[in-house]
Amino acid sequence: MRCVRAIVAGTVAALASPASVATDDAALLKEAQEIFQPLKDMSASGAGAMKDQITLGRLLFFDPRFTVDGNVSCATCHLPALYGADGLSKSIGVQQRPHPRNAPTVLNSGVNIIVHWRGDRESLEDQAIKALGSPITNGQPDIGAVLDRLERIPGYAPLFRAAFPGDAAPLNAGNVANAISAYERSLVTPAPFDIYLAGNVDALSPSARSGLETFIKIGYPTDLYVFRVPSLRNVAMTAPYFHDGSVATLREAVSVMARVQLGLKLSEDEVNDITSFLESLTGKLPSEFATAPVLPPAAVISARH
């Protein structure tokens, strides 16, 4: 499995004067600013059709009624309470069908350069449209059955017209994917690390800064198997870890990555510091994700007529 920017043991001076500490902090901040970019809002949700697409996408994301049994939604595997993940080693889809891999968080997915564990999705829209046709994620015989379900919920028609005003028939599969993707791009979680990158050294604790320094001193281990590197954003909140969900805690994941990818055994202090740094990447849940919306009313009708 391709590793994240992995972990390597670093040497930190045990004693230092206040002036040298300040100098070291400034140098570390400068180096971090050269390597990392602060999180940016990808939603472009100011007004108009894009805002309406996000509103519609939020409803679709939480609505289970267009899946085969009407009881599984995007939010089933991407729970707000678990920071957009589901806490399972491998997710469970419709009709109790198991997914082959762990569900990554949906938060900040708009900034990912690779979509899906195997990188075999071209975009968030491509991911969403393929999920609509998935026997595990949706279970319907075809996408037409998905649209049939949505058409039977009267409240959706005006929402699609508002979100896609230029389309003669806006309630279509592409626009379902477009709306869900627009909503997902709005789910950004700025964190203390972003405040640090903006120049506030004290946004990170000394332990987190030490962990950042150790983290930066790593190399780029050779890829062994081609899996997408999960985002480290909110990683402290999205256990279990790795594509198979085989590791239960972040501390263990840090130790495993060091051992497996770099052949290193980290000290307890090094693991603690790196974990503190990773915890500084936890941001506040977006309000439009933290609570589920009230959905347009309609009962699930399983058969097409």
Protein backbone atom coordinates (compact mmCIF):
# COMPACT_ATOMS: atom_id res chain seq x y z
CA MET A 1 0.00 0.00 0.00
CA ARG A 2 1.27 3.45 -0.85
CA CYS A 3 2.09 5.23 2.39
CA VAL A 4 1.34 8.72 3.54
CA ARG A 5 4.26 11.08 3.93
CA ALA A 6 5.60 8.57 6.42
CA ILE A 7 7.43 8.93 9.68
CA VAL A 8 11.08 8.95 10.57
CA ALA A 9 12.80 9.36 13.91
CA GLY A 10 14.35 12.77 14.42
CA THR A 11 16.80 14.16 16.95
CA VAL A 12 15.63 17.11 19.04
CA ALA A 13 17.95 19.05 21.33
CA ALA A 14 17.06 18.47 24.96
CA LEU A 15 18.03 21.97 26.09
CA ALA A 16 17.69 25.24 24.23
CA SER A 17 17.56 28.92 25.07
CA PRO A 18 14.33 30.90 24.49
CA ALA A 19 15.96 32.75 21.59
CA SER A 20 17.02 29.54 19.87
CA VAL A 21 13.57 28.03 20.44
CA ALA A 22 11.98 31.07 18.77
CA THR A 23 14.41 30.78 15.88
CA ASP A 24 13.71 27.07 15.52
CA ASP A 25 9.95 27.73 15.60
CA ALA A 26 10.26 30.36 12.89
CA ALA A 27 12.39 28.06 10.73
CA LEU A 28 9.94 25.19 11.16
CA LEU A 29 7.00 27.42 10.25
CA LYS A 30 8.78 28.66 7.14
CA GLU A 31 9.58 25.10 6.08
CA ALA A 32 6.00 24.00 6.70
CA GLN A 33 4.66 26.91 4.66
CA GLU A 34 6.88 25.86 1.76
CA ILE A 35 5.59 22.28 1.86
CA PHE A 36 1.93 22.55 2.86
CA GLN A 37 -0.93 24.73 1.75
CA PRO A 38 -3.79 25.79 4.02
CA LEU A 39 -7.19 24.29 3.34
CA LYS A 40 -9.30 26.34 0.95
CA ASP A 41 -13.06 26.48 0.61
CA MET A 42 -13.84 24.56 -2.58
CA SER A 43 -17.60 25.06 -2.50
CA ALA A 44 -17.99 28.39 -4.34
CA SER A 45 -21.34 28.48 -2.57
CA GLY A 46 -22.01 32.20 -2.63
CA ALA A 47 -25.38 32.30 -4.38
CA GLY A 48 -27.47 31.22 -7.33
CA ALA A 49 -27.52 27.80 -8.93
CA MET A 50 -24.42 26.53 -7.10
CA LYS A 51 -26.00 27.26 -3.74
CA ASP A 52 -29.16 25.49 -4.89
CA GLN A 53 -27.08 22.51 -6.05
CA ILE A 54 -25.46 22.26 -2.62
CA THR A 55 -28.85 22.42 -0.93
CA LEU A 56 -30.19 19.68 -3.20
CA GLY A 57 -27.02 17.62 -2.84
CA ARG A 58 -27.31 17.69 0.94
CA LEU A 59 -30.80 16.22 0.75
CA LEU A 60 -29.72 13.53 -1.69
CA PHE A 61 -26.66 12.69 0.43
CA PHE A 62 -28.84 11.96 3.47
CA ASP A 63 -31.81 10.40 1.63
CA PRO A 64 -31.91 6.56 1.72
CA ARG A 65 -35.10 6.18 -0.28
CA PHE A 66 -33.65 5.78 -3.78
CA THR A 67 -31.58 2.72 -2.88
CA VAL A 68 -33.02 -0.74 -3.44
CA ASP A 69 -34.54 -1.22 0.03
CA GLY A 70 -34.86 2.46 0.83
CA ASN A 71 -32.71 2.25 3.95
CA VAL A 72 -29.12 3.09 2.92
CA SER A 73 -27.84 6.56 2.03
CA CYS A 74 -24.46 8.18 1.38
CA ALA A 75 -24.54 9.20 5.03
CA THR A 76 -24.81 5.55 6.11
CA CYS A 77 -21.12 5.03 5.33
CA HIS A 78 -20.15 8.68 5.93
CA LEU A 79 -21.65 9.53 9.30
CA PRO A 80 -21.37 13.06 10.68
CA ALA A 81 -20.93 11.65 14.20
CA LEU A 82 -17.82 9.79 12.98
CA TYR A 83 -16.41 12.67 10.92
CA GLY A 84 -17.61 11.38 7.58
CA ALA A 85 -16.53 7.76 8.10
CA ASP A 86 -18.42 4.82 9.64
CA GLY A 87 -16.08 3.26 12.20
CA LEU A 88 -16.16 -0.13 10.48
CA SER A 89 -13.21 -2.04 9.05
CA LYS A 90 -15.23 -2.51 5.87
CA SER A 91 -18.52 -0.78 5.21
CA ILE A 92 -21.85 -2.55 4.85
CA GLY A 93 -23.99 -1.59 1.86
CA VAL A 94 -27.51 -2.43 0.77
CA GLN A 95 -28.99 -5.78 1.77
CA GLN A 96 -26.03 -6.27 4.14
CA ARG A 97 -23.60 -6.57 1.23
CA PRO A 98 -20.02 -5.90 2.39
CA HIS A 99 -17.80 -3.36 0.69
CA PRO A 100 -14.31 -4.65 -0.15
CA ARG A 101 -12.56 -1.74 1.61
CA ASN A 102 -12.78 0.75 4.44
CA ALA A 103 -14.86 3.90 3.86
CA PRO A 104 -12.67 7.03 3.82
CA THR A 105 -14.07 10.27 5.17
CA VAL A 106 -16.08 12.41 2.80
CA LEU A 107 -14.84 15.60 4.49
CA ASN A 108 -12.47 17.71 2.35
CA SER A 109 -12.94 15.27 -0.52
CA GLY A 110 -13.04 18.17 -2.96
CA VAL A 111 -9.29 18.74 -2.55
CA ASN A 112 -8.28 15.12 -3.17
CA ILE A 113 -6.24 14.71 -6.33
CA ILE A 114 -7.18 11.03 -6.58
CA VAL A 115 -10.68 9.65 -6.06
CA HIS A 116 -11.45 6.12 -4.83
CA TRP A 117 -8.99 3.71 -3.23
CA ARG A 118 -7.71 2.52 -6.61
CA GLY A 119 -7.79 5.95 -8.18
CA ASP A 120 -10.22 4.62 -10.77
CA ARG A 121 -12.70 7.49 -10.53
CA GLU A 122 -12.11 10.58 -12.65
CA SER A 123 -13.85 13.01 -10.28
CA LEU A 124 -16.32 13.27 -7.43
CA GLU A 125 -19.05 13.32 -10.06
CA ASP A 126 -17.74 10.08 -11.56
CA GLN A 127 -17.62 8.53 -8.10
CA ALA A 128 -21.22 9.56 -7.41
CA ILE A 129 -22.60 8.29 -10.74
CA LYS A 130 -20.86 4.95 -10.32
CA ALA A 131 -22.19 4.66 -6.77
CA LEU A 132 -25.72 5.11 -8.14
CA GLY A 133 -25.17 2.03 -10.29
CA SER A 134 -23.29 -0.04 -7.71
CA PRO A 135 -24.84 -3.34 -6.53
CA ILE A 136 -23.30 -2.71 -3.11
CA THR A 137 -23.89 1.00 -2.67
CA ASN A 138 -27.32 1.31 -4.28
CA GLY A 139 -28.51 -2.10 -5.41
CA GLN A 140 -31.09 -0.92 -7.92
CA PRO A 141 -31.29 -2.86 -11.22
CA ASP A 142 -30.35 0.28 -13.16
CA ILE A 143 -30.07 4.03 -12.76
CA GLY A 144 -33.54 4.39 -14.26
CA ALA A 145 -34.92 2.77 -11.11
CA VAL A 146 -33.05 5.35 -9.02
CA LEU A 147 -34.60 8.22 -10.99
CA ASP A 148 -38.03 6.58 -10.74
CA ARG A 149 -37.75 6.66 -6.95
CA LEU A 150 -36.77 10.33 -6.98
CA GLU A 151 -39.57 11.24 -9.36
CA ARG A 152 -42.03 9.70 -6.89
CA ILE A 153 -40.96 12.20 -4.22
CA PRO A 154 -42.81 15.38 -5.27
CA GLY A 155 -40.55 17.75 -3.38
CA TYR A 156 -37.52 16.96 -5.53
CA ALA A 157 -38.80 18.24 -8.90
CA PRO A 158 -38.74 21.96 -7.97
CA LEU A 159 -35.38 21.54 -6.26
CA PHE A 160 -33.83 20.07 -9.41
CA ARG A 161 -35.34 22.88 -11.51
CA ALA A 162 -33.85 25.51 -9.20
CA ALA A 163 -30.44 23.83 -9.09
CA PHE A 164 -30.21 23.25 -12.85
CA PRO A 165 -32.30 26.03 -14.42
CA GLY A 166 -30.85 25.58 -17.91
CA ASP A 167 -31.90 21.93 -18.26
CA ALA A 168 -35.18 21.01 -19.94
CA ALA A 169 -35.35 17.79 -17.88
CA PRO A 170 -33.15 18.51 -14.83
CA LEU A 171 -33.98 15.37 -12.85
CA ASN A 172 -31.41 13.10 -14.45
CA ALA A 173 -28.55 10.90 -13.28
CA GLY A 174 -25.84 13.39 -14.17
CA ASN A 175 -27.46 16.11 -12.12
CA VAL A 176 -27.94 13.78 -9.15
CA ALA A 177 -24.17 13.23 -9.24
CA ASN A 178 -23.49 16.94 -9.82
CA ALA A 179 -25.60 17.97 -6.82
CA ILE A 180 -24.10 15.39 -4.45
CA SER A 181 -20.60 16.39 -5.56
CA ALA A 182 -21.34 20.10 -5.09
CA TYR A 183 -22.42 19.34 -1.53
CA GLU A 184 -19.35 17.20 -0.85
CA ARG A 185 -17.07 20.01 -2.07
CA SER A 186 -18.66 22.31 0.51
CA LEU A 187 -17.59 20.04 3.39
CA VAL A 188 -14.31 21.69 4.35
CA THR A 189 -12.87 21.62 7.86
CA PRO A 190 -10.17 24.23 8.56
CA ALA A 191 -8.11 23.16 11.56
CA PRO A 192 -5.50 24.51 14.01
CA PHE A 193 -2.80 23.53 11.51
CA ASP A 194 -4.25 26.02 9.02
CA ILE A 195 -4.03 28.77 11.65
CA TYR A 196 -0.42 27.71 12.19
CA LEU A 197 0.32 27.94 8.47
CA ALA A 198 -1.14 31.45 8.48
CA GLY A 199 1.65 32.44 10.89
CA ASN A 200 0.38 31.71 14.40
CA VAL A 201 3.04 29.41 15.87
CA ASP A 202 1.08 28.95 19.08
CA ALA A 203 -1.81 27.33 17.19
CA LEU A 204 0.17 24.10 17.60
CA SER A 205 1.31 22.77 20.96
CA PRO A 206 5.04 22.17 21.49
CA SER A 207 4.38 18.44 21.15
CA ALA A 208 2.54 18.96 17.87
CA ARG A 209 5.34 21.18 16.53
CA SER A 210 7.86 18.51 17.47
CA GLY A 211 5.70 15.96 15.67
CA LEU A 212 5.49 18.21 12.61
CA GLU A 213 9.27 18.51 12.56
CA THR A 214 9.66 14.75 12.70
CA PHE A 215 6.98 14.32 10.06
CA ILE A 216 8.75 16.71 7.67
CA LYS A 217 12.05 14.88 8.03
CA ILE A 218 10.67 11.83 6.32
CA GLY A 219 11.24 10.69 2.79
CA TYR A 220 8.97 9.35 0.11
CA PRO A 221 8.98 5.54 0.40
CA THR A 222 8.66 3.58 -2.79
CA ASP A 223 5.13 2.52 -3.73
CA LEU A 224 4.52 -1.17 -3.18
CA TYR A 225 0.88 -1.41 -4.20
CA VAL A 226 -1.14 1.33 -5.84
CA PHE A 227 -3.78 2.52 -3.39
CA ARG A 228 -4.78 6.13 -2.85
CA VAL A 229 -3.10 7.85 0.08
CA PRO A 230 -5.92 8.88 2.43
CA SER A 231 -6.03 12.50 3.51
CA LEU A 232 -4.55 13.18 6.93
CA ARG A 233 -7.26 15.79 7.54
CA ASN A 234 -9.36 14.71 10.55
CA VAL A 235 -7.40 11.45 10.67
CA ALA A 236 -7.59 11.40 14.48
CA MET A 237 -11.39 11.09 14.17
CA THR A 238 -11.69 8.46 11.42
CA ALA A 239 -10.50 5.14 12.85
CA PRO A 240 -10.01 2.36 11.88
CA TYR A 241 -7.07 2.89 9.54
CA PHE A 242 -5.69 1.67 6.21
CA HIS A 243 -7.62 0.42 3.20
CA ASP A 244 -8.70 -2.71 5.06
CA GLY A 245 -9.48 -1.01 8.36
CA SER A 246 -7.07 -3.33 10.11
CA VAL A 247 -5.65 -0.89 12.69
CA ALA A 248 -7.86 0.45 15.47
CA THR A 249 -5.93 3.45 16.84
CA LEU A 250 -3.96 6.36 15.41
CA ARG A 251 -0.96 5.68 17.64
CA GLU A 252 -0.77 2.13 16.35
CA ALA A 253 -1.13 3.36 12.75
CA VAL A 254 1.80 5.75 13.23
CA SER A 255 3.97 2.95 14.61
CA VAL A 256 2.96 0.53 11.86
CA MET A 257 3.70 3.03 9.09
CA ALA A 258 7.16 3.71 10.49
CA ARG A 259 7.96 0.02 10.84
CA VAL A 260 6.49 -1.25 7.58
CA GLN A 261 7.36 1.65 5.27
CA LEU A 262 10.71 2.76 6.69
CA GLY A 263 11.93 -0.08 8.86
CA LEU A 264 12.01 2.15 11.95
CA LYS A 265 10.90 1.61 15.53
CA LEU A 266 9.69 4.91 16.94
CA SER A 267 10.07 5.81 20.59
CA GLU A 268 6.96 6.43 22.67
CA ASP A 269 7.71 10.18 22.68
CA GLU A 270 8.03 10.25 18.90
CA VAL A 271 4.72 8.45 18.49
CA ASN A 272 3.10 10.87 20.95
CA ASP A 273 4.44 13.93 19.14
CA ILE A 274 3.47 12.75 15.68
CA THR A 275 0.01 11.87 16.98
CA SER A 276 -0.28 15.36 18.50
CA PHE A 277 0.60 16.89 15.14
CA LEU A 278 -1.98 14.74 13.36
CA GLU A 279 -4.59 15.77 15.91
CA SER A 280 -3.95 19.40 14.91
CA LEU A 281 -5.47 18.52 11.53
CA THR A 282 -8.91 17.98 13.12
CA GLY A 283 -11.31 20.75 12.14
CA LYS A 284 -14.82 21.69 13.14
CA LEU A 285 -17.64 19.87 11.36
CA PRO A 286 -19.49 22.06 8.85
CA SER A 287 -22.90 22.98 10.23
CA GLU A 288 -24.62 21.67 7.08
CA PHE A 289 -23.07 18.25 7.75
CA ALA A 290 -23.23 18.05 11.53
CA THR A 291 -27.02 17.67 11.47
CA ALA A 292 -29.21 15.78 9.02
CA PRO A 293 -31.74 17.76 6.96
CA VAL A 294 -35.49 17.28 6.91
CA LEU A 295 -36.18 15.42 3.65
CA PRO A 296 -39.04 15.98 1.20
CA PRO A 297 -41.93 13.77 2.37
CA ALA A 298 -42.87 10.56 0.53
CA ALA A 299 -43.02 6.88 1.35
CA VAL A 300 -40.69 4.34 -0.23
CA ILE A 301 -42.39 2.53 -3.13
CA SER A 302 -40.29 -0.44 -4.09
CA ALA A 303 -41.93 -1.40 -7.36
CA ARG A 304 -41.87 0.53 -10.63
CA HIS A 305 -45.21 1.08 -12.32
